[in-house]
Amino acid sequence: MAELFWSVGIGLILIGVGIKWGLFEWFGKLPGDLRYEGEHFVFFAPITSMLLISLVLSLLLWIFNR
């Protein structure tokens, strides 16, 4: 159980460092990500970005569970 907490903690630190260094600027700017800006309304749905993240996480979990 302690290994899980260490892994999650290190993963969150790496994600935070990646955000700080600008490694995730692509998020929300891929083709298929929807963004609509009206006069008093903004709608944002990062569909393609979330599908890509889901695919990568599923692949990583599959590899680690083998």
N, C-alpha and C. Protein backbone atom coordinates (compact mmCIF):
# COMPACT_ATOMS: atom_id res chain seq x y z
N MET A 1 0.82 -1.19 0.00
CA MET A 1 0.00 0.00 0.00
C MET A 1 0.86 1.25 0.00
N ALA A 2 1.97 1.20 0.73
CA ALA A 2 2.86 2.36 0.79
C ALA A 2 3.47 2.64 -0.58
N GLU A 3 3.73 1.58 -1.37
CA GLU A 3 4.29 1.78 -2.70
C GLU A 3 3.33 2.55 -3.60
N LEU A 4 2.04 2.27 -3.42
CA LEU A 4 1.03 2.99 -4.20
C LEU A 4 1.05 4.47 -3.88
N PHE A 5 1.12 4.82 -2.61
CA PHE A 5 1.15 6.22 -2.22
C PHE A 5 2.40 6.92 -2.73
N TRP A 6 3.54 6.23 -2.67
CA TRP A 6 4.78 6.80 -3.18
C TRP A 6 4.67 7.03 -4.69
N SER A 7 4.13 6.06 -5.39
CA SER A 7 4.00 6.17 -6.85
C SER A 7 3.07 7.31 -7.24
N VAL A 8 1.94 7.41 -6.57
CA VAL A 8 0.99 8.49 -6.86
C VAL A 8 1.62 9.84 -6.53
N GLY A 9 2.31 9.93 -5.41
CA GLY A 9 2.95 11.18 -5.02
C GLY A 9 4.01 11.62 -6.01
N ILE A 10 4.86 10.70 -6.42
CA ILE A 10 5.90 11.03 -7.39
C ILE A 10 5.28 11.41 -8.73
N GLY A 11 4.22 10.70 -9.12
CA GLY A 11 3.53 11.04 -10.36
C GLY A 11 2.94 12.44 -10.33
N LEU A 12 2.33 12.81 -9.21
CA LEU A 12 1.75 14.15 -9.08
C LEU A 12 2.84 15.23 -9.10
N ILE A 13 3.97 14.94 -8.49
CA ILE A 13 5.09 15.89 -8.53
C ILE A 13 5.57 16.07 -9.96
N LEU A 14 5.72 14.98 -10.69
CA LEU A 14 6.17 15.07 -12.08
C LEU A 14 5.17 15.83 -12.95
N ILE A 15 3.89 15.62 -12.73
CA ILE A 15 2.88 16.37 -13.48
C ILE A 15 2.95 17.85 -13.14
N GLY A 16 3.13 18.17 -11.87
CA GLY A 16 3.26 19.58 -11.46
C GLY A 16 4.47 20.25 -12.09
N VAL A 17 5.60 19.54 -12.12
CA VAL A 17 6.80 20.10 -12.75
C VAL A 17 6.57 20.28 -14.25
N GLY A 18 5.89 19.32 -14.87
CA GLY A 18 5.59 19.43 -16.30
C GLY A 18 4.69 20.62 -16.61
N ILE A 19 3.73 20.89 -15.75
CA ILE A 19 2.86 22.06 -15.93
C ILE A 19 3.65 23.34 -15.75
N LYS A 20 4.51 23.37 -14.75
CA LYS A 20 5.33 24.56 -14.49
C LYS A 20 6.25 24.87 -15.67
N TRP A 21 6.84 23.85 -16.29
CA TRP A 21 7.74 24.03 -17.42
C TRP A 21 7.02 24.19 -18.75
N GLY A 22 5.69 24.10 -18.76
CA GLY A 22 4.92 24.30 -19.98
C GLY A 22 4.87 23.09 -20.89
N LEU A 23 5.02 21.88 -20.34
CA LEU A 23 4.99 20.68 -21.18
C LEU A 23 3.58 20.27 -21.58
N PHE A 24 2.57 20.88 -20.98
CA PHE A 24 1.19 20.51 -21.28
C PHE A 24 0.43 21.63 -21.98
N GLU A 25 1.14 22.47 -22.73
CA GLU A 25 0.48 23.55 -23.45
C GLU A 25 -0.39 23.04 -24.59
N TRP A 26 -0.14 21.82 -25.05
CA TRP A 26 -0.91 21.23 -26.14
C TRP A 26 -2.32 20.86 -25.68
N PHE A 27 -2.51 20.71 -24.35
CA PHE A 27 -3.80 20.25 -23.84
C PHE A 27 -4.89 21.25 -24.20
N GLY A 28 -5.89 20.79 -24.90
CA GLY A 28 -7.01 21.62 -25.29
C GLY A 28 -6.84 22.30 -26.63
N LYS A 29 -5.73 22.05 -27.31
CA LYS A 29 -5.49 22.69 -28.60
C LYS A 29 -5.38 21.69 -29.74
N LEU A 30 -5.75 20.46 -29.50
CA LEU A 30 -5.70 19.43 -30.54
C LEU A 30 -6.94 19.54 -31.43
N PRO A 31 -6.83 19.04 -32.68
CA PRO A 31 -8.03 18.99 -33.52
C PRO A 31 -9.08 18.09 -32.86
N GLY A 32 -10.28 18.55 -32.79
CA GLY A 32 -11.35 17.79 -32.15
C GLY A 32 -11.70 18.33 -30.78
N ASP A 33 -10.89 19.22 -30.23
CA ASP A 33 -11.21 19.89 -28.97
C ASP A 33 -12.14 21.06 -29.29
N LEU A 34 -13.28 21.07 -28.66
CA LEU A 34 -14.30 22.07 -28.97
C LEU A 34 -14.16 23.29 -28.07
N ARG A 35 -14.23 24.46 -28.68
CA ARG A 35 -14.21 25.71 -27.93
C ARG A 35 -15.14 26.70 -28.63
N TYR A 36 -16.10 27.19 -27.90
CA TYR A 36 -17.03 28.18 -28.42
C TYR A 36 -17.05 29.36 -27.47
N GLU A 37 -16.84 30.54 -28.00
CA GLU A 37 -16.88 31.75 -27.19
C GLU A 37 -17.97 32.67 -27.72
N GLY A 38 -18.95 32.89 -26.88
CA GLY A 38 -19.99 33.85 -27.20
C GLY A 38 -19.70 35.17 -26.49
N GLU A 39 -20.67 36.05 -26.50
CA GLU A 39 -20.46 37.35 -25.85
C GLU A 39 -20.33 37.21 -24.34
N HIS A 40 -21.18 36.38 -23.74
CA HIS A 40 -21.16 36.18 -22.28
C HIS A 40 -21.07 34.71 -21.91
N PHE A 41 -20.50 33.92 -22.81
CA PHE A 41 -20.52 32.48 -22.60
C PHE A 41 -19.30 31.85 -23.25
N VAL A 42 -18.68 30.91 -22.55
CA VAL A 42 -17.57 30.15 -23.11
C VAL A 42 -17.84 28.68 -22.85
N PHE A 43 -17.78 27.88 -23.92
CA PHE A 43 -17.94 26.44 -23.81
C PHE A 43 -16.65 25.79 -24.28
N PHE A 44 -16.09 24.92 -23.45
CA PHE A 44 -14.83 24.25 -23.77
C PHE A 44 -14.97 22.78 -23.46
N ALA A 45 -14.72 21.91 -24.44
CA ALA A 45 -14.78 20.46 -24.26
C ALA A 45 -13.57 19.84 -24.94
N PRO A 46 -12.52 19.50 -24.15
CA PRO A 46 -11.31 18.92 -24.74
C PRO A 46 -11.46 17.43 -25.05
N ILE A 47 -12.30 17.10 -26.02
CA ILE A 47 -12.65 15.72 -26.31
C ILE A 47 -11.43 14.92 -26.76
N THR A 48 -10.70 15.40 -27.75
CA THR A 48 -9.55 14.67 -28.27
C THR A 48 -8.45 14.55 -27.23
N SER A 49 -8.19 15.62 -26.49
CA SER A 49 -7.14 15.58 -25.46
C SER A 49 -7.48 14.54 -24.39
N MET A 50 -8.73 14.48 -23.97
CA MET A 50 -9.12 13.52 -22.93
C MET A 50 -9.07 12.09 -23.47
N LEU A 51 -9.42 11.88 -24.72
CA LEU A 51 -9.30 10.54 -25.31
C LEU A 51 -7.84 10.10 -25.37
N LEU A 52 -6.95 11.02 -25.71
CA LEU A 52 -5.53 10.70 -25.75
C LEU A 52 -4.99 10.36 -24.36
N ILE A 53 -5.36 11.13 -23.35
CA ILE A 53 -4.93 10.86 -21.98
C ILE A 53 -5.50 9.53 -21.50
N SER A 54 -6.75 9.24 -21.81
CA SER A 54 -7.36 7.97 -21.44
C SER A 54 -6.63 6.79 -22.08
N LEU A 55 -6.28 6.94 -23.33
CA LEU A 55 -5.55 5.88 -24.04
C LEU A 55 -4.18 5.64 -23.40
N VAL A 56 -3.46 6.70 -23.10
CA VAL A 56 -2.12 6.56 -22.49
C VAL A 56 -2.22 5.93 -21.11
N LEU A 57 -3.15 6.40 -20.29
CA LEU A 57 -3.30 5.83 -18.95
C LEU A 57 -3.74 4.37 -18.99
N SER A 58 -4.64 4.03 -19.90
CA SER A 58 -5.05 2.63 -20.04
C SER A 58 -3.89 1.75 -20.45
N LEU A 59 -3.07 2.23 -21.37
CA LEU A 59 -1.91 1.48 -21.81
C LEU A 59 -0.91 1.29 -20.66
N LEU A 60 -0.65 2.34 -19.89
CA LEU A 60 0.27 2.24 -18.76
C LEU A 60 -0.25 1.27 -17.70
N LEU A 61 -1.52 1.34 -17.38
CA LEU A 61 -2.09 0.42 -16.39
C LEU A 61 -2.06 -1.02 -16.88
N TRP A 62 -2.30 -1.21 -18.17
CA TRP A 62 -2.23 -2.55 -18.74
C TRP A 62 -0.82 -3.11 -18.63
N ILE A 63 0.17 -2.26 -18.93
CA ILE A 63 1.57 -2.70 -18.87
C ILE A 63 1.96 -3.04 -17.42
N PHE A 64 1.59 -2.19 -16.47
CA PHE A 64 1.98 -2.41 -15.07
C PHE A 64 1.25 -3.58 -14.43
N ASN A 65 0.07 -3.92 -14.90
CA ASN A 65 -0.68 -5.04 -14.33
C ASN A 65 -0.29 -6.39 -14.92
N ARG A 66 0.55 -6.42 -15.92
CA ARG A 66 0.97 -7.68 -16.52
C ARG A 66 1.93 -8.36 -15.67
